[in-house]
Amino acid sequence: MTDSKKSESGLKMEGEGSREGSRRFQDAQHEFAEHGDVEGKAKEAAKALDGDEAAELEKARRAAANGEADH
């Protein structure tokens, strides 16, 4: 596919990294921060850190900090 063709998702193929995809992600993040249930999600995350998934979450956090991808 060339840069001018669109993928099945309708996004223009831009090679490594997508400016349009990055913009959409940022827009969604700002929308959630302004209008989403941020407090509820924070409580949900805190509960997960204290619950049964704590060890798995810590393992994933350490891997991410070391630049390891979990495929």
C-alpha atoms as a PDB file:
ATOM      1  CA  MET A   1       0.000   0.000   0.000  1.00  0.00           C
ATOM      2  CA  THR A   2       1.218   3.488  -0.722  1.00  0.00           C
ATOM      3  CA  ASP A   3       0.890   6.468   1.573  1.00  0.00           C
ATOM      4  CA  SER A   4      -2.164   7.665  -0.314  1.00  0.00           C
ATOM      5  CA  LYS A   5      -4.199   4.451   0.070  1.00  0.00           C
ATOM      6  CA  LYS A   6      -6.430   3.778   3.038  1.00  0.00           C
ATOM      7  CA  SER A   7      -6.543   0.631   5.134  1.00  0.00           C
ATOM      8  CA  GLU A   8      -9.695  -1.323   5.989  1.00  0.00           C
ATOM      9  CA  SER A   9     -10.081   0.906   9.059  1.00  0.00           C
ATOM     10  CA  GLY A  10     -10.296   3.968   6.829  1.00  0.00           C
ATOM     11  CA  LEU A  11      -7.028   5.421   8.141  1.00  0.00           C
ATOM     12  CA  LYS A  12      -4.402   6.474   5.644  1.00  0.00           C
ATOM     13  CA  MET A  13      -1.304   4.272   5.800  1.00  0.00           C
ATOM     14  CA  GLU A  14       1.552   6.410   7.112  1.00  0.00           C
ATOM     15  CA  GLY A  15       4.335   3.893   7.768  1.00  0.00           C
ATOM     16  CA  GLU A  16       5.797   3.645  11.262  1.00  0.00           C
ATOM     17  CA  GLY A  17       3.610   5.757  13.483  1.00  0.00           C
ATOM     18  CA  SER A  18       0.422   7.403  12.408  1.00  0.00           C
ATOM     19  CA  ARG A  19      -0.139  11.102  12.904  1.00  0.00           C
ATOM     20  CA  GLU A  20      -3.877  10.645  12.413  1.00  0.00           C
ATOM     21  CA  GLY A  21      -3.987   7.692  14.808  1.00  0.00           C
ATOM     22  CA  SER A  22      -1.960   9.614  17.383  1.00  0.00           C
ATOM     23  CA  ARG A  23      -4.291  12.593  17.072  1.00  0.00           C
ATOM     24  CA  ARG A  24      -7.367  10.385  17.525  1.00  0.00           C
ATOM     25  CA  PHE A  25      -5.798   8.727  20.583  1.00  0.00           C
ATOM     26  CA  GLN A  26      -4.928  12.109  22.124  1.00  0.00           C
ATOM     27  CA  ASP A  27      -8.431  13.431  21.428  1.00  0.00           C
ATOM     28  CA  ALA A  28      -9.956  10.366  23.114  1.00  0.00           C
ATOM     29  CA  GLN A  29      -7.661  10.774  26.124  1.00  0.00           C
ATOM     30  CA  HIS A  30      -8.592  14.438  26.524  1.00  0.00           C
ATOM     31  CA  GLU A  31     -12.293  13.601  26.170  1.00  0.00           C
ATOM     32  CA  PHE A  32     -12.031  10.934  28.883  1.00  0.00           C
ATOM     33  CA  ALA A  33     -10.066  13.248  31.196  1.00  0.00           C
ATOM     34  CA  GLU A  34     -12.690  15.965  30.808  1.00  0.00           C
ATOM     35  CA  HIS A  35     -15.891  13.916  30.775  1.00  0.00           C
ATOM     36  CA  GLY A  36     -15.110  10.308  31.736  1.00  0.00           C
ATOM     37  CA  ASP A  37     -15.363   8.496  35.034  1.00  0.00           C
ATOM     38  CA  VAL A  38     -11.757   9.202  36.000  1.00  0.00           C
ATOM     39  CA  GLU A  39     -12.349   8.763  39.731  1.00  0.00           C
ATOM     40  CA  GLY A  40     -14.173   5.479  39.196  1.00  0.00           C
ATOM     41  CA  LYS A  41     -11.391   4.123  36.984  1.00  0.00           C
ATOM     42  CA  ALA A  42      -8.778   5.197  39.550  1.00  0.00           C
ATOM     43  CA  LYS A  43     -10.640   3.296  42.270  1.00  0.00           C
ATOM     44  CA  GLU A  44     -10.934   0.274  39.965  1.00  0.00           C
ATOM     45  CA  ALA A  45      -7.177   0.358  39.316  1.00  0.00           C
ATOM     46  CA  ALA A  46      -6.359   0.690  43.022  1.00  0.00           C
ATOM     47  CA  LYS A  47      -8.590  -2.289  43.777  1.00  0.00           C
ATOM     48  CA  ALA A  48      -6.833  -4.354  41.086  1.00  0.00           C
ATOM     49  CA  LEU A  49      -3.429  -3.455  42.567  1.00  0.00           C
ATOM     50  CA  ASP A  50      -4.564  -4.716  45.953  1.00  0.00           C
ATOM     51  CA  GLY A  51      -6.388  -7.776  44.618  1.00  0.00           C
ATOM     52  CA  ASP A  52      -5.644 -11.121  43.017  1.00  0.00           C
ATOM     53  CA  GLU A  53      -4.082  -9.533  39.919  1.00  0.00           C
ATOM     54  CA  ALA A  54      -1.440  -7.604  41.875  1.00  0.00           C
ATOM     55  CA  ALA A  55       1.458  -9.960  41.057  1.00  0.00           C
ATOM     56  CA  GLU A  56       0.570 -10.113  37.365  1.00  0.00           C
ATOM     57  CA  LEU A  57       0.210  -6.327  37.155  1.00  0.00           C
ATOM     58  CA  GLU A  58       3.575  -5.805  38.870  1.00  0.00           C
ATOM     59  CA  LYS A  59       5.228  -8.248  36.460  1.00  0.00           C
ATOM     60  CA  ALA A  60       3.755  -6.337  33.503  1.00  0.00           C
ATOM     61  CA  ARG A  61       4.836  -3.003  34.997  1.00  0.00           C
ATOM     62  CA  ARG A  62       8.424  -4.214  35.422  1.00  0.00           C
ATOM     63  CA  ALA A  63       8.521  -5.629  31.896  1.00  0.00           C
ATOM     64  CA  ALA A  64       7.239  -2.352  30.457  1.00  0.00           C
ATOM     65  CA  ALA A  65       9.779  -0.378  32.489  1.00  0.00           C
ATOM     66  CA  ASN A  66      12.507  -2.547  30.957  1.00  0.00           C
ATOM     67  CA  GLY A  67      11.163  -2.018  27.431  1.00  0.00           C
ATOM     68  CA  GLU A  68       9.927  -5.566  27.094  1.00  0.00           C
ATOM     69  CA  ALA A  69       6.804  -6.124  25.045  1.00  0.00           C
ATOM     70  CA  ASP A  70       4.273  -8.752  26.071  1.00  0.00           C
ATOM     71  CA  HIS A  71       3.068 -10.324  22.823  1.00  0.00           C
END
